[in-house]
Each structure stands twice: as C-alpha cells, then as structure tokens.
Amino acid sequence: GSRPSYGRIRSLDGARQVATIPIGYADGIPRSLSRPGAVLINGIRYPYAGTVTMDMVVVDVGDDDVEEGDEVVLLGAQGADAITAEEWADLLGTINYEVVCNFGPRLPRRYLGGTNGG
C-alpha cells in the first residue's frame, strides 16, 4: 500500500484517502506522536498516517466523507470523543503541562473564562 509522509512508517491498504492538516512540529506537535497520534474530524478519531513534519500532519481518513474545511481537533472534544493533554502525556511519557507548554507561537490562543487583563 501507499506510505505517505517522511519515513514511510505506516502502510495504507487499498484505496484510502488522507487528509493533510497544516500543523506540525514547528507548532509543538511532537514527532513522537507519529505512530500513536490521532485527531478528531466530525467526531471520529483518525490515526496519523505518517511522520509529523515541520508544517503538516497527514491523517488516514479511509473512505469516510471528510472535506476541506471540516474542523480538526488535535486536543479537545468533538462529538462523544475527546483527546486530552493527559492522553498525549501518557503516549509521550511526560506530563500534561509539558504538552501544552510546547505549543509554538504560530498557534492562536483562545482563553475561556476568567478576566482579560487588569
């Protein structure tokens, strides 16, 4: 089968689609998530299909109806499923605080609750 992305770590059997997500290790997505990593699209968990690169992640969406512009959740909830910083920490052998502190400046921040400034 096809082996997308660097390192050709995962073989995709048959006619499968992949989704390319414009985020990578420059944004704080660890390369070590290349094998166990997943995202949520339309409430369904999809595995990474190859090595996390500097600026993109390739995801195996099989033959599901995934379209450009669909929301992709790397950390957070969508539908009945959620991917947490704790889950990443377990996969990476670290703590959840290290996971969230590694996100780069290219990612927008959205703060919920509390106050803005003094």
C-alpha atoms as a PDB file:
ATOM      1  CA  GLY A   1       0.000   0.000   0.000  1.00  0.00           C
ATOM      2  CA  SER A   2       0.811   3.676  -0.044  1.00  0.00           C
ATOM      3  CA  ARG A   3       3.129   5.118   2.633  1.00  0.00           C
ATOM      4  CA  PRO A   4       2.554   8.858   2.996  1.00  0.00           C
ATOM      5  CA  SER A   5       4.920  11.352   4.632  1.00  0.00           C
ATOM      6  CA  TYR A   6       8.564  11.090   5.695  1.00  0.00           C
ATOM      7  CA  GLY A   7       9.908   7.809   6.974  1.00  0.00           C
ATOM      8  CA  ARG A   8       7.108   5.801   5.372  1.00  0.00           C
ATOM      9  CA  ILE A   9       6.171   4.447   8.819  1.00  0.00           C
ATOM     10  CA  ARG A  10       2.602   3.389   8.083  1.00  0.00           C
ATOM     11  CA  SER A  11       1.280   1.457   5.094  1.00  0.00           C
ATOM     12  CA  LEU A  12      -2.227   2.279   3.901  1.00  0.00           C
ATOM     13  CA  ASP A  13      -4.050  -0.692   2.420  1.00  0.00           C
ATOM     14  CA  GLY A  14      -6.322  -0.367  -0.585  1.00  0.00           C
ATOM     15  CA  ALA A  15      -7.829   2.850  -1.880  1.00  0.00           C
ATOM     16  CA  ARG A  16      -7.716   5.148   1.129  1.00  0.00           C
ATOM     17  CA  GLN A  17      -7.921   8.897   1.449  1.00  0.00           C
ATOM     18  CA  VAL A  18      -5.640  11.036   3.547  1.00  0.00           C
ATOM     19  CA  ALA A  19      -6.246  14.492   4.952  1.00  0.00           C
ATOM     20  CA  THR A  20      -3.374  16.955   5.207  1.00  0.00           C
ATOM     21  CA  ILE A  21      -3.529  19.215   8.250  1.00  0.00           C
ATOM     22  CA  PRO A  22      -1.373  22.377   8.190  1.00  0.00           C
ATOM     23  CA  ILE A  23       0.264  21.967  11.599  1.00  0.00           C
ATOM     24  CA  GLY A  24       3.473  20.211  12.588  1.00  0.00           C
ATOM     25  CA  TYR A  25       6.404  20.053  14.952  1.00  0.00           C
ATOM     26  CA  ALA A  26       7.170  23.756  14.418  1.00  0.00           C
ATOM     27  CA  ASP A  27       3.840  24.347  16.163  1.00  0.00           C
ATOM     28  CA  GLY A  28       4.551  21.944  19.019  1.00  0.00           C
ATOM     29  CA  ILE A  29       3.067  18.713  17.666  1.00  0.00           C
ATOM     30  CA  PRO A  30       5.618  16.122  18.815  1.00  0.00           C
ATOM     31  CA  ARG A  31       7.158  13.927  16.113  1.00  0.00           C
ATOM     32  CA  SER A  32       6.950  11.056  18.591  1.00  0.00           C
ATOM     33  CA  LEU A  33       3.159  11.117  18.120  1.00  0.00           C
ATOM     34  CA  SER A  34       3.672   9.969  14.522  1.00  0.00           C
ATOM     35  CA  ARG A  35       2.691   6.369  15.280  1.00  0.00           C
ATOM     36  CA  PRO A  36       0.192   6.634  18.136  1.00  0.00           C
ATOM     37  CA  GLY A  37      -1.271  10.051  17.290  1.00  0.00           C
ATOM     38  CA  ALA A  38      -4.839  10.725  16.196  1.00  0.00           C
ATOM     39  CA  VAL A  39      -7.176  13.634  15.521  1.00  0.00           C
ATOM     40  CA  LEU A  40     -10.932  14.079  15.615  1.00  0.00           C
ATOM     41  CA  ILE A  41     -12.820  15.021  12.458  1.00  0.00           C
ATOM     42  CA  ASN A  42     -16.621  15.039  12.511  1.00  0.00           C
ATOM     43  CA  GLY A  43     -16.472  13.303  15.894  1.00  0.00           C
ATOM     44  CA  ILE A  44     -14.466  10.340  14.557  1.00  0.00           C
ATOM     45  CA  ARG A  45     -10.921   9.507  15.650  1.00  0.00           C
ATOM     46  CA  TYR A  46      -8.479   9.148  12.741  1.00  0.00           C
ATOM     47  CA  PRO A  47      -4.844   7.980  13.105  1.00  0.00           C
ATOM     48  CA  TYR A  48      -1.836   9.853  11.827  1.00  0.00           C
ATOM     49  CA  ALA A  49      -0.819   8.279   8.510  1.00  0.00           C
ATOM     50  CA  GLY A  50       2.850   9.195   8.613  1.00  0.00           C
ATOM     51  CA  THR A  51       5.576  11.117  10.356  1.00  0.00           C
ATOM     52  CA  VAL A  52       4.711  14.540  11.771  1.00  0.00           C
ATOM     53  CA  THR A  53       6.624  17.027   9.617  1.00  0.00           C
ATOM     54  CA  MET A  54       7.612  20.607  10.358  1.00  0.00           C
ATOM     55  CA  ASP A  55       4.398  22.049   8.936  1.00  0.00           C
ATOM     56  CA  MET A  56       1.928  19.219   8.428  1.00  0.00           C
ATOM     57  CA  VAL A  57       0.312  16.077   9.714  1.00  0.00           C
ATOM     58  CA  VAL A  58      -1.194  13.511   7.339  1.00  0.00           C
ATOM     59  CA  VAL A  59      -4.218  11.609   8.656  1.00  0.00           C
ATOM     60  CA  ASP A  60      -5.753   8.362   7.351  1.00  0.00           C
ATOM     61  CA  VAL A  61      -9.480   9.042   6.845  1.00  0.00           C
ATOM     62  CA  GLY A  62     -10.159   5.810   4.948  1.00  0.00           C
ATOM     63  CA  ASP A  63     -13.094   6.280   2.613  1.00  0.00           C
ATOM     64  CA  ASP A  64     -15.089   8.481   5.005  1.00  0.00           C
ATOM     65  CA  ASP A  65     -16.752  11.685   3.852  1.00  0.00           C
ATOM     66  CA  VAL A  66     -14.172  14.218   5.053  1.00  0.00           C
ATOM     67  CA  GLU A  67     -13.983  17.532   3.235  1.00  0.00           C
ATOM     68  CA  GLU A  68     -11.689  20.538   3.121  1.00  0.00           C
ATOM     69  CA  GLY A  69     -12.793  22.959   5.818  1.00  0.00           C
ATOM     70  CA  ASP A  70     -14.019  20.305   8.267  1.00  0.00           C
ATOM     71  CA  GLU A  71     -12.945  21.127  11.816  1.00  0.00           C
ATOM     72  CA  VAL A  72      -9.972  19.070  13.000  1.00  0.00           C
ATOM     73  CA  VAL A  73      -9.406  18.665  16.742  1.00  0.00           C
ATOM     74  CA  LEU A  74      -5.918  17.750  17.907  1.00  0.00           C
ATOM     75  CA  LEU A  75      -6.609  18.388  21.592  1.00  0.00           C
ATOM     76  CA  GLY A  76     -10.143  18.827  22.822  1.00  0.00           C
ATOM     77  CA  ALA A  77     -13.601  17.355  22.427  1.00  0.00           C
ATOM     78  CA  GLN A  78     -15.714  16.776  19.363  1.00  0.00           C
ATOM     79  CA  GLY A  79     -18.862  14.679  19.340  1.00  0.00           C
ATOM     80  CA  ALA A  80     -18.707  11.997  22.025  1.00  0.00           C
ATOM     81  CA  ASP A  81     -14.902  11.670  21.940  1.00  0.00           C
ATOM     82  CA  ALA A  82     -12.064  13.771  23.314  1.00  0.00           C
ATOM     83  CA  ILE A  83      -8.284  13.880  23.018  1.00  0.00           C
ATOM     84  CA  THR A  84      -6.689  15.352  26.125  1.00  0.00           C
ATOM     85  CA  ALA A  85      -3.284  16.667  27.103  1.00  0.00           C
ATOM     86  CA  GLU A  86      -3.209  13.822  29.614  1.00  0.00           C
ATOM     87  CA  GLU A  87      -3.643  11.291  26.786  1.00  0.00           C
ATOM     88  CA  TRP A  88      -0.760  12.868  24.851  1.00  0.00           C
ATOM     89  CA  ALA A  89       1.343  12.914  28.030  1.00  0.00           C
ATOM     90  CA  ASP A  90       0.741   9.186  28.562  1.00  0.00           C
ATOM     91  CA  LEU A  91       1.734   8.453  24.943  1.00  0.00           C
ATOM     92  CA  LEU A  92       4.835  10.657  25.239  1.00  0.00           C
ATOM     93  CA  GLY A  93       5.943   9.589  28.715  1.00  0.00           C
ATOM     94  CA  THR A  94       5.663  13.079  30.189  1.00  0.00           C
ATOM     95  CA  ILE A  95       3.174  15.323  31.985  1.00  0.00           C
ATOM     96  CA  ASN A  96       0.239  17.291  30.587  1.00  0.00           C
ATOM     97  CA  TYR A  97       1.847  20.653  31.430  1.00  0.00           C
ATOM     98  CA  GLU A  98       4.825  19.905  29.183  1.00  0.00           C
ATOM     99  CA  VAL A  99       2.420  19.056  26.347  1.00  0.00           C
ATOM    100  CA  VAL A 100       0.609  22.396  26.467  1.00  0.00           C
ATOM    101  CA  CYS A 101       3.743  24.461  27.137  1.00  0.00           C
ATOM    102  CA  ASN A 102       5.349  23.163  23.926  1.00  0.00           C
ATOM    103  CA  PHE A 103       2.809  24.755  21.579  1.00  0.00           C
ATOM    104  CA  GLY A 104       4.535  27.328  19.388  1.00  0.00           C
ATOM    105  CA  PRO A 105       3.716  30.995  18.793  1.00  0.00           C
ATOM    106  CA  ARG A 106       2.072  30.311  15.415  1.00  0.00           C
ATOM    107  CA  LEU A 107      -0.937  28.770  17.159  1.00  0.00           C
ATOM    108  CA  PRO A 108      -3.678  31.200  18.158  1.00  0.00           C
ATOM    109  CA  ARG A 109      -4.687  31.169  21.801  1.00  0.00           C
ATOM    110  CA  ARG A 110      -8.269  31.356  22.971  1.00  0.00           C
ATOM    111  CA  TYR A 111      -8.827  31.854  26.680  1.00  0.00           C
ATOM    112  CA  LEU A 112     -12.117  30.786  28.200  1.00  0.00           C
ATOM    113  CA  GLY A 113     -13.410  32.159  31.486  1.00  0.00           C
ATOM    114  CA  GLY A 114     -11.629  34.494  33.850  1.00  0.00           C
ATOM    115  CA  THR A 115     -10.877  38.090  33.011  1.00  0.00           C
ATOM    116  CA  ASN A 116      -8.812  39.759  30.320  1.00  0.00           C
ATOM    117  CA  GLY A 117      -6.169  41.958  31.882  1.00  0.00           C
ATOM    118  CA  GLY A 118      -6.401  44.193  34.918  1.00  0.00           C
END
